[in-house]
Amino acid sequence: MNNNFNKLAESVLQIKIGSTVQAKNNLKDLIKSLQNIDNDFLDLQYFLFSSALLKRIDGYTAENIYLQNYDEISQIDLFQLLSTHVPFVSLTHPIANELICQILSQLTTVTLLNIGIGKGLQEVDLLKRLVKKGIKLQQLTIVGIEPSQENLLEAESNILKASEELDFDLKFIPFPKLVEDLSEREWLFLASLNGDIIINEAFSLHHIVDRKQGYDTRQEVILKISRLNPMAFILVEPNWDHNISDLWYRFKNAWINYRLLFEALSQVDMPKKMKFLIINNFFGREIEDVLGNCEETRCERHESVDIWLQRLYKEGFKPFDLSTINLTNFSHPVGNVVTRDSYIGIECNNTALIAIIAVQ
């Protein structure tokens, strides 16, 4: 490791023991020494990590970054940019939808529950695939859980427009709230919906924050999901481990994870200005939350695929058979798509950056 990393790591340890004045001076010196932030992604990573730690020292506290109003482009709009141009994200919805299509081909009346539906673009892609494959249901109910009312309205509009190509009934039910805020009555309503239920979430469950110390809100949500007895539960999550209270270990994990991601992004065929926008604005906000926000409110609480599987198995879920999924159309020169025992990984340097987990 070079001198910059040593200075950054030393600052983290100083923050841990309360030597914030020394840490602040170190971080400011480190930022001043960076000569090529606009062109070198490693320098940019040092800048983003240092800036996040400085905000931590200054008592930075913020809400869920997807709910904040930024003067520039919003986090969800940046995510849509990722979904279009970056293989580690752009491949996830099509792969998950290919799996959902395979399940739907055997069913007639279905409720598809999407946790964190955003603007409904995954569902639009799914409906197009159903038409292309000639898969016909009797009825499809799409339930969208999403804290942003604005996004929900756009999701409904996008989905209903796409449904015009279908020759079966489609119904959309919005829930303008976080999944952890659903009441018992609302969970009972979900359980009462017609047909088989399939549950999908992409980059959403890792945002769940424990409501009180010693209470695992995330596990409670998975328990409630299991009680719906879904035909399949599909999760798309980063294979990272940032749900750690210890700042030092969280910093080490975050540095390794974002370094690998930024190295992969540097190989993606897209304009450098767009890469800089994605790294600085989208992932910069994530890093700010992972390292700069206080423990009680930070929302970027990624977990490894092994931890997700442990959570799912604890509530009685079992691995879905992924051997029949055709992945030949999902290759990419930067991200390799690999089927593992319990998940499909989008990998770089033999490490899964994103895991598509399917259980039943």
Protein backbone atom coordinates (compact mmCIF):
# COMPACT_ATOMS: atom_id res chain seq x y z
CA MET A 1 0.00 0.00 0.00
CA ASN A 2 1.27 3.48 -0.78
CA ASN A 3 1.63 6.46 1.52
CA ASN A 4 -1.82 7.81 0.66
CA PHE A 5 -3.51 4.63 1.85
CA ASN A 6 -1.42 4.58 5.02
CA LYS A 7 -2.47 8.16 5.76
CA LEU A 8 -6.13 7.32 5.09
CA ALA A 9 -6.01 4.19 7.26
CA GLU A 10 -4.25 6.10 10.04
CA SER A 11 -7.03 8.69 9.96
CA VAL A 12 -9.67 5.97 10.41
CA LEU A 13 -7.86 4.62 13.46
CA GLN A 14 -7.51 8.15 14.85
CA ILE A 15 -11.26 8.70 14.47
CA LYS A 16 -11.89 5.42 16.31
CA ILE A 17 -9.90 6.53 19.36
CA GLY A 18 -11.28 10.06 19.31
CA SER A 19 -8.22 11.88 17.92
CA THR A 20 -10.39 13.79 15.46
CA VAL A 21 -8.16 16.88 15.19
CA GLN A 22 -5.22 14.78 14.00
CA ALA A 23 -7.48 12.80 11.68
CA LYS A 24 -8.95 15.97 10.19
CA ASN A 25 -5.49 17.43 9.51
CA ASN A 26 -4.33 14.16 7.94
CA LEU A 27 -7.37 13.96 5.68
CA LYS A 28 -7.08 17.58 4.56
CA ASP A 29 -3.39 17.06 3.77
CA LEU A 30 -4.25 13.92 1.81
CA ILE A 31 -6.87 15.74 -0.27
CA LYS A 32 -4.41 18.57 -1.02
CA SER A 33 -1.84 16.04 -2.24
CA LEU A 34 -4.17 14.51 -4.84
CA GLN A 35 -3.11 15.83 -8.23
CA ASN A 36 -5.36 14.02 -10.68
CA ILE A 37 -8.87 13.60 -9.25
CA ASP A 38 -10.54 14.39 -12.59
CA ASN A 39 -8.68 11.70 -14.55
CA ASP A 40 -7.43 9.07 -12.12
CA PHE A 41 -10.09 6.89 -10.47
CA LEU A 42 -7.72 5.91 -7.66
CA ASP A 43 -7.15 9.57 -6.77
CA LEU A 44 -10.91 10.06 -6.97
CA GLN A 45 -11.44 7.15 -4.58
CA TYR A 46 -9.00 8.69 -2.08
CA PHE A 47 -10.89 11.97 -2.39
CA LEU A 48 -14.31 10.35 -1.85
CA PHE A 49 -13.17 8.32 1.16
CA SER A 50 -11.38 11.29 2.72
CA SER A 51 -14.38 13.56 2.17
CA ALA A 52 -16.72 11.00 3.74
CA LEU A 53 -14.52 10.69 6.83
CA LEU A 54 -14.30 14.47 7.17
CA LYS A 55 -18.08 14.64 7.15
CA ARG A 56 -18.13 11.98 9.86
CA ILE A 57 -15.85 14.10 12.02
CA ASP A 58 -18.10 17.12 11.50
CA GLY A 59 -21.15 15.19 12.70
CA TYR A 60 -22.70 14.44 9.32
CA THR A 61 -26.19 12.90 9.50
CA ALA A 62 -28.51 12.26 6.57
CA GLU A 63 -31.60 10.28 5.61
CA ASN A 64 -31.81 7.52 3.00
CA ILE A 65 -29.87 8.84 -0.01
CA TYR A 66 -32.65 7.71 -2.36
CA LEU A 67 -35.10 10.01 -0.54
CA GLN A 68 -32.91 13.11 -0.44
CA ASN A 69 -33.43 16.05 -2.79
CA TYR A 70 -30.12 16.81 -4.50
CA ASP A 71 -29.55 20.01 -6.45
CA GLU A 72 -28.00 17.94 -9.22
CA ILE A 73 -29.23 14.59 -10.60
CA SER A 74 -31.15 12.41 -8.10
CA GLN A 75 -29.82 9.09 -6.81
CA ILE A 76 -32.54 7.05 -8.52
CA ASP A 77 -31.91 8.80 -11.86
CA LEU A 78 -28.21 8.02 -11.49
CA PHE A 79 -29.20 4.42 -10.77
CA GLN A 80 -31.14 4.34 -14.04
CA LEU A 81 -27.95 5.53 -15.75
CA LEU A 82 -26.12 2.63 -14.13
CA SER A 83 -28.88 0.25 -15.22
CA THR A 84 -28.33 1.28 -18.82
CA HIS A 85 -24.56 1.49 -19.12
CA VAL A 86 -22.83 -0.55 -16.40
CA PRO A 87 -22.94 -4.36 -16.83
CA PHE A 88 -22.88 -5.13 -13.11
CA VAL A 89 -26.28 -3.43 -12.90
CA SER A 90 -27.63 -3.56 -16.46
CA LEU A 91 -27.46 -7.37 -16.52
CA THR A 92 -29.29 -7.90 -13.22
CA HIS A 93 -32.86 -7.07 -14.27
CA PRO A 94 -32.74 -9.16 -17.48
CA ILE A 95 -31.29 -12.17 -15.64
CA ALA A 96 -33.84 -11.90 -12.82
CA ASN A 97 -36.63 -11.45 -15.39
CA GLU A 98 -35.47 -14.51 -17.33
CA LEU A 99 -35.88 -16.51 -14.14
CA ILE A 100 -39.30 -14.95 -13.45
CA CYS A 101 -40.42 -15.75 -17.01
CA GLN A 102 -39.48 -19.39 -16.54
CA ILE A 103 -41.60 -19.53 -13.38
CA LEU A 104 -44.54 -17.65 -14.93
CA SER A 105 -44.66 -20.03 -17.90
CA GLN A 106 -46.03 -22.70 -15.54
CA LEU A 107 -48.67 -20.50 -13.86
CA THR A 108 -51.99 -18.81 -14.65
CA THR A 109 -52.89 -16.31 -11.92
CA VAL A 110 -49.94 -14.53 -10.32
CA THR A 111 -49.13 -11.73 -7.90
CA LEU A 112 -45.68 -10.23 -8.50
CA LEU A 113 -44.50 -8.22 -5.51
CA ASN A 114 -41.56 -5.87 -6.11
CA ILE A 115 -39.89 -4.41 -3.02
CA GLY A 116 -38.38 -1.08 -4.07
CA ILE A 117 -40.01 -0.94 -7.49
CA GLY A 118 -38.58 2.50 -8.33
CA LYS A 119 -39.95 3.64 -11.68
CA GLY A 120 -41.05 0.15 -12.71
CA LEU A 121 -38.44 -0.35 -15.42
CA GLN A 122 -37.74 -3.96 -14.46
CA GLU A 123 -41.44 -4.75 -14.81
CA VAL A 124 -41.54 -3.05 -18.22
CA ASP A 125 -38.69 -5.30 -19.36
CA LEU A 126 -40.48 -8.33 -17.88
CA LEU A 127 -43.73 -7.59 -19.73
CA LYS A 128 -41.84 -7.21 -23.01
CA ARG A 129 -40.18 -10.59 -22.41
CA LEU A 130 -43.54 -12.23 -21.71
CA VAL A 131 -44.89 -10.95 -25.04
CA LYS A 132 -41.76 -12.02 -26.93
CA LYS A 133 -41.84 -15.51 -25.40
CA GLY A 134 -45.58 -15.89 -25.90
CA ILE A 135 -46.21 -16.50 -22.19
CA LYS A 136 -49.88 -15.90 -21.44
CA LEU A 137 -51.40 -15.70 -17.99
CA GLN A 138 -55.01 -15.30 -16.97
CA GLN A 139 -54.22 -12.47 -14.59
CA LEU A 140 -51.11 -10.69 -13.32
CA THR A 141 -51.20 -8.39 -10.30
CA ILE A 142 -48.08 -6.27 -9.79
CA VAL A 143 -47.62 -4.85 -6.30
CA GLY A 144 -45.10 -2.03 -6.06
CA ILE A 145 -43.61 -1.14 -2.68
CA GLU A 146 -41.72 2.15 -2.95
CA PRO A 147 -41.27 5.04 -0.47
CA SER A 148 -41.36 7.73 -3.19
CA GLN A 149 -44.91 8.58 -4.28
CA GLU A 150 -43.51 10.31 -7.37
CA ASN A 151 -41.62 7.17 -8.42
CA LEU A 152 -44.70 5.02 -7.80
CA LEU A 153 -46.85 7.17 -10.06
CA GLU A 154 -44.23 6.94 -12.80
CA ALA A 155 -43.94 3.17 -12.25
CA GLU A 156 -47.69 2.74 -12.62
CA SER A 157 -47.71 4.81 -15.82
CA ASN A 158 -44.77 2.88 -17.30
CA ILE A 159 -46.23 -0.53 -16.42
CA LEU A 160 -49.75 0.21 -17.64
CA LYS A 161 -48.38 1.55 -20.92
CA ALA A 162 -46.29 -1.61 -21.40
CA SER A 163 -49.32 -3.77 -20.53
CA GLU A 164 -51.14 -2.55 -23.66
CA GLU A 165 -49.25 -5.25 -25.58
CA LEU A 166 -50.59 -8.03 -23.33
CA ASP A 167 -53.66 -10.14 -24.01
CA PHE A 168 -54.38 -10.86 -20.34
CA ASP A 169 -55.51 -8.75 -17.39
CA LEU A 170 -52.96 -6.73 -15.44
CA LYS A 171 -53.58 -4.86 -12.21
CA PHE A 172 -51.18 -2.53 -10.38
CA ILE A 173 -51.35 -1.98 -6.61
CA PRO A 174 -49.07 0.72 -5.11
CA PHE A 175 -47.75 0.83 -1.55
CA PRO A 176 -46.08 4.24 -0.97
CA LYS A 177 -43.86 3.24 1.94
CA LEU A 178 -40.80 1.27 2.98
CA VAL A 179 -41.30 -2.48 3.28
CA GLU A 180 -40.30 -2.39 6.95
CA ASP A 181 -43.13 0.10 7.57
CA LEU A 182 -45.89 -2.19 6.30
CA SER A 183 -48.52 -2.83 8.97
CA GLU A 184 -49.76 -6.27 9.97
CA ARG A 185 -53.01 -5.47 8.17
CA GLU A 186 -51.06 -4.71 4.99
CA TRP A 187 -49.12 -7.97 5.23
CA LEU A 188 -52.43 -9.80 5.64
CA PHE A 189 -53.75 -8.00 2.55
CA LEU A 190 -50.73 -9.17 0.55
CA ALA A 191 -51.33 -12.73 1.73
CA SER A 192 -54.95 -12.52 0.53
CA LEU A 193 -54.15 -11.61 -3.08
CA ASN A 194 -55.15 -14.08 -5.79
CA GLY A 195 -52.88 -16.68 -7.30
CA ASP A 196 -49.30 -17.70 -6.75
CA ILE A 197 -46.96 -15.04 -5.40
CA ILE A 198 -43.48 -14.23 -6.67
CA ILE A 199 -41.39 -11.70 -4.77
CA ASN A 200 -38.59 -9.69 -6.31
CA GLU A 201 -36.25 -7.07 -4.89
CA ALA A 202 -33.24 -5.39 -6.45
CA PHE A 203 -30.80 -3.27 -4.43
CA SER A 204 -33.48 -2.50 -1.83
CA LEU A 205 -33.31 -4.73 1.25
CA HIS A 206 -29.77 -3.64 2.14
CA HIS A 207 -31.23 -0.20 2.96
CA ILE A 208 -33.20 -1.53 5.94
CA VAL A 209 -32.02 0.07 9.18
CA ASP A 210 -32.65 -1.57 12.56
CA ARG A 211 -35.36 0.38 14.36
CA LYS A 212 -33.88 -0.21 17.79
CA GLN A 213 -30.70 -1.65 19.25
CA GLY A 214 -30.66 -5.43 19.40
CA TYR A 215 -33.61 -5.79 17.00
CA ASP A 216 -32.91 -7.24 13.55
CA THR A 217 -35.46 -5.43 11.37
CA ARG A 218 -34.06 -6.99 8.18
CA GLN A 219 -34.55 -10.51 9.50
CA GLU A 220 -38.07 -9.63 10.62
CA VAL A 221 -38.92 -8.50 7.07
CA ILE A 222 -37.57 -11.75 5.62
CA LEU A 223 -39.66 -13.70 8.16
CA LYS A 224 -42.80 -11.84 7.06
CA ILE A 225 -41.94 -12.50 3.42
CA SER A 226 -41.58 -16.22 4.17
CA ARG A 227 -45.08 -16.24 5.69
CA LEU A 228 -46.47 -15.23 2.28
CA ASN A 229 -45.28 -18.65 1.01
CA PRO A 230 -43.94 -17.32 -2.30
CA MET A 231 -43.31 -19.61 -5.25
CA ALA A 232 -39.99 -17.80 -5.54
CA PHE A 233 -38.15 -14.99 -3.80
CA ILE A 234 -35.50 -13.33 -5.96
CA LEU A 235 -32.96 -10.92 -4.50
CA VAL A 236 -30.41 -8.82 -6.37
CA GLU A 237 -27.77 -7.47 -4.00
CA PRO A 238 -24.12 -6.35 -3.98
CA ASN A 239 -21.85 -9.05 -2.58
CA TRP A 240 -20.35 -6.63 -0.07
CA ASP A 241 -20.17 -6.53 3.71
CA HIS A 242 -20.76 -3.02 5.04
CA ASN A 243 -23.36 -3.87 7.67
CA ILE A 244 -20.68 -3.69 10.37
CA SER A 245 -20.68 -1.26 13.28
CA ASP A 246 -16.88 -1.29 13.63
CA LEU A 247 -15.59 1.61 11.51
CA TRP A 248 -12.16 0.06 10.84
CA TYR A 249 -13.48 -3.21 9.41
CA ARG A 250 -16.19 -1.39 7.48
CA PHE A 251 -13.55 0.93 6.00
CA LYS A 252 -11.30 -1.98 4.97
CA ASN A 253 -14.19 -3.82 3.30
CA ALA A 254 -15.43 -0.68 1.57
CA TRP A 255 -11.97 0.17 0.23
CA ILE A 256 -11.51 -3.29 -1.30
CA ASN A 257 -15.04 -3.41 -2.72
CA TYR A 258 -15.04 0.04 -4.31
CA ARG A 259 -11.48 -0.39 -5.62
CA LEU A 260 -12.52 -3.55 -7.48
CA LEU A 261 -15.68 -1.86 -8.74
CA PHE A 262 -13.88 1.28 -9.95
CA GLU A 263 -11.21 -0.81 -11.69
CA ALA A 264 -13.99 -2.69 -13.48
CA LEU A 265 -15.76 0.56 -14.39
CA SER A 266 -12.54 1.87 -15.92
CA GLN A 267 -12.78 -0.97 -18.48
CA VAL A 268 -16.41 -0.29 -19.46
CA ASP A 269 -16.84 1.22 -22.92
CA MET A 270 -18.48 4.54 -22.09
CA PRO A 271 -17.38 8.20 -22.07
CA LYS A 272 -14.98 9.05 -19.28
CA LYS A 273 -17.14 11.99 -18.18
CA MET A 274 -20.04 9.61 -17.63
CA LYS A 275 -17.82 7.26 -15.62
CA PHE A 276 -16.72 10.20 -13.49
CA LEU A 277 -20.35 11.24 -12.96
CA ILE A 278 -21.33 7.73 -11.85
CA ILE A 279 -18.36 7.30 -9.52
CA ASN A 280 -18.37 10.80 -8.05
CA ASN A 281 -22.11 11.30 -7.70
CA PHE A 282 -23.69 7.86 -7.32
CA PHE A 283 -20.97 5.89 -5.56
CA GLY A 284 -19.63 9.01 -3.87
CA ARG A 285 -22.97 9.37 -2.09
CA GLU A 286 -22.86 5.70 -1.14
CA ILE A 287 -19.36 6.03 0.31
CA GLU A 288 -20.47 9.15 2.16
CA ASP A 289 -23.22 7.10 3.77
CA VAL A 290 -21.08 4.00 4.46
CA LEU A 291 -18.28 5.93 6.20
CA GLY A 292 -19.58 9.42 6.92
CA ASN A 293 -23.06 8.91 8.28
CA CYS A 294 -23.78 8.00 11.89
CA GLU A 295 -24.42 4.36 12.74
CA GLU A 296 -28.07 4.91 13.66
CA THR A 297 -29.16 6.39 10.32
CA ARG A 298 -26.79 5.16 7.61
CA CYS A 299 -28.69 3.13 5.00
CA GLU A 300 -26.05 1.59 2.71
CA ARG A 301 -25.79 -1.61 4.78
CA HIS A 302 -24.69 -4.11 2.14
CA GLU A 303 -24.19 -7.74 3.14
CA SER A 304 -22.32 -10.61 1.50
CA VAL A 305 -24.14 -13.31 -0.44
CA ASP A 306 -23.29 -15.81 2.32
CA ILE A 307 -25.00 -13.66 4.95
CA TRP A 308 -28.07 -13.21 2.74
CA LEU A 309 -28.29 -16.97 2.27
CA GLN A 310 -27.98 -17.54 6.02
CA ARG A 311 -30.84 -15.11 6.61
CA LEU A 312 -33.02 -16.82 4.00
CA TYR A 313 -32.30 -20.37 5.16
CA LYS A 314 -33.08 -19.37 8.74
CA GLU A 315 -36.67 -18.62 7.68
CA GLY A 316 -37.08 -21.91 5.84
CA PHE A 317 -36.22 -20.89 2.28
CA LYS A 318 -34.41 -23.36 0.05
CA PRO A 319 -32.23 -22.77 -3.04
CA PHE A 320 -34.01 -22.52 -6.37
CA ASP A 321 -32.74 -24.77 -9.17
CA LEU A 322 -30.76 -22.40 -11.38
CA SER A 323 -29.31 -25.07 -13.67
CA THR A 324 -32.02 -24.64 -16.32
CA ILE A 325 -31.61 -20.87 -16.73
CA ASN A 326 -30.10 -20.03 -20.13
CA LEU A 327 -27.44 -17.37 -19.58
CA THR A 328 -25.80 -17.51 -23.01
CA ASN A 329 -27.23 -14.10 -23.96
CA PHE A 330 -25.89 -12.37 -20.86
CA SER A 331 -22.16 -12.30 -21.50
CA HIS A 332 -20.15 -9.08 -21.25
CA PRO A 333 -16.44 -8.33 -21.82
CA VAL A 334 -16.11 -6.77 -18.36
CA GLY A 335 -18.52 -8.68 -16.12
CA ASN A 336 -18.64 -12.49 -16.24
CA VAL A 337 -22.01 -14.12 -15.50
CA VAL A 338 -21.45 -17.32 -13.51
CA THR A 339 -23.97 -19.76 -12.00
CA ARG A 340 -22.95 -20.84 -8.52
CA ASP A 341 -24.66 -23.36 -6.21
CA SER A 342 -27.14 -20.90 -4.72
CA TYR A 343 -26.93 -17.77 -6.85
CA ILE A 344 -25.92 -16.24 -10.17
CA GLY A 345 -22.89 -13.99 -9.81
CA ILE A 346 -21.83 -11.08 -11.98
CA GLU A 347 -18.11 -11.31 -11.42
CA CYS A 348 -14.90 -9.41 -11.96
CA ASN A 349 -11.53 -11.03 -11.27
CA ASN A 350 -13.36 -14.15 -10.02
CA THR A 351 -15.18 -12.12 -7.38
CA ALA A 352 -18.95 -11.66 -7.46
CA LEU A 353 -19.72 -7.95 -7.34
CA ILE A 354 -23.46 -8.62 -7.63
CA ALA A 355 -25.40 -11.74 -6.61
CA ILE A 356 -28.80 -12.73 -8.00
CA ILE A 357 -30.19 -15.06 -5.35
CA ALA A 358 -33.26 -17.23 -5.95
CA VAL A 359 -34.96 -19.23 -3.22
CA GLN A 360 -38.32 -20.91 -2.72
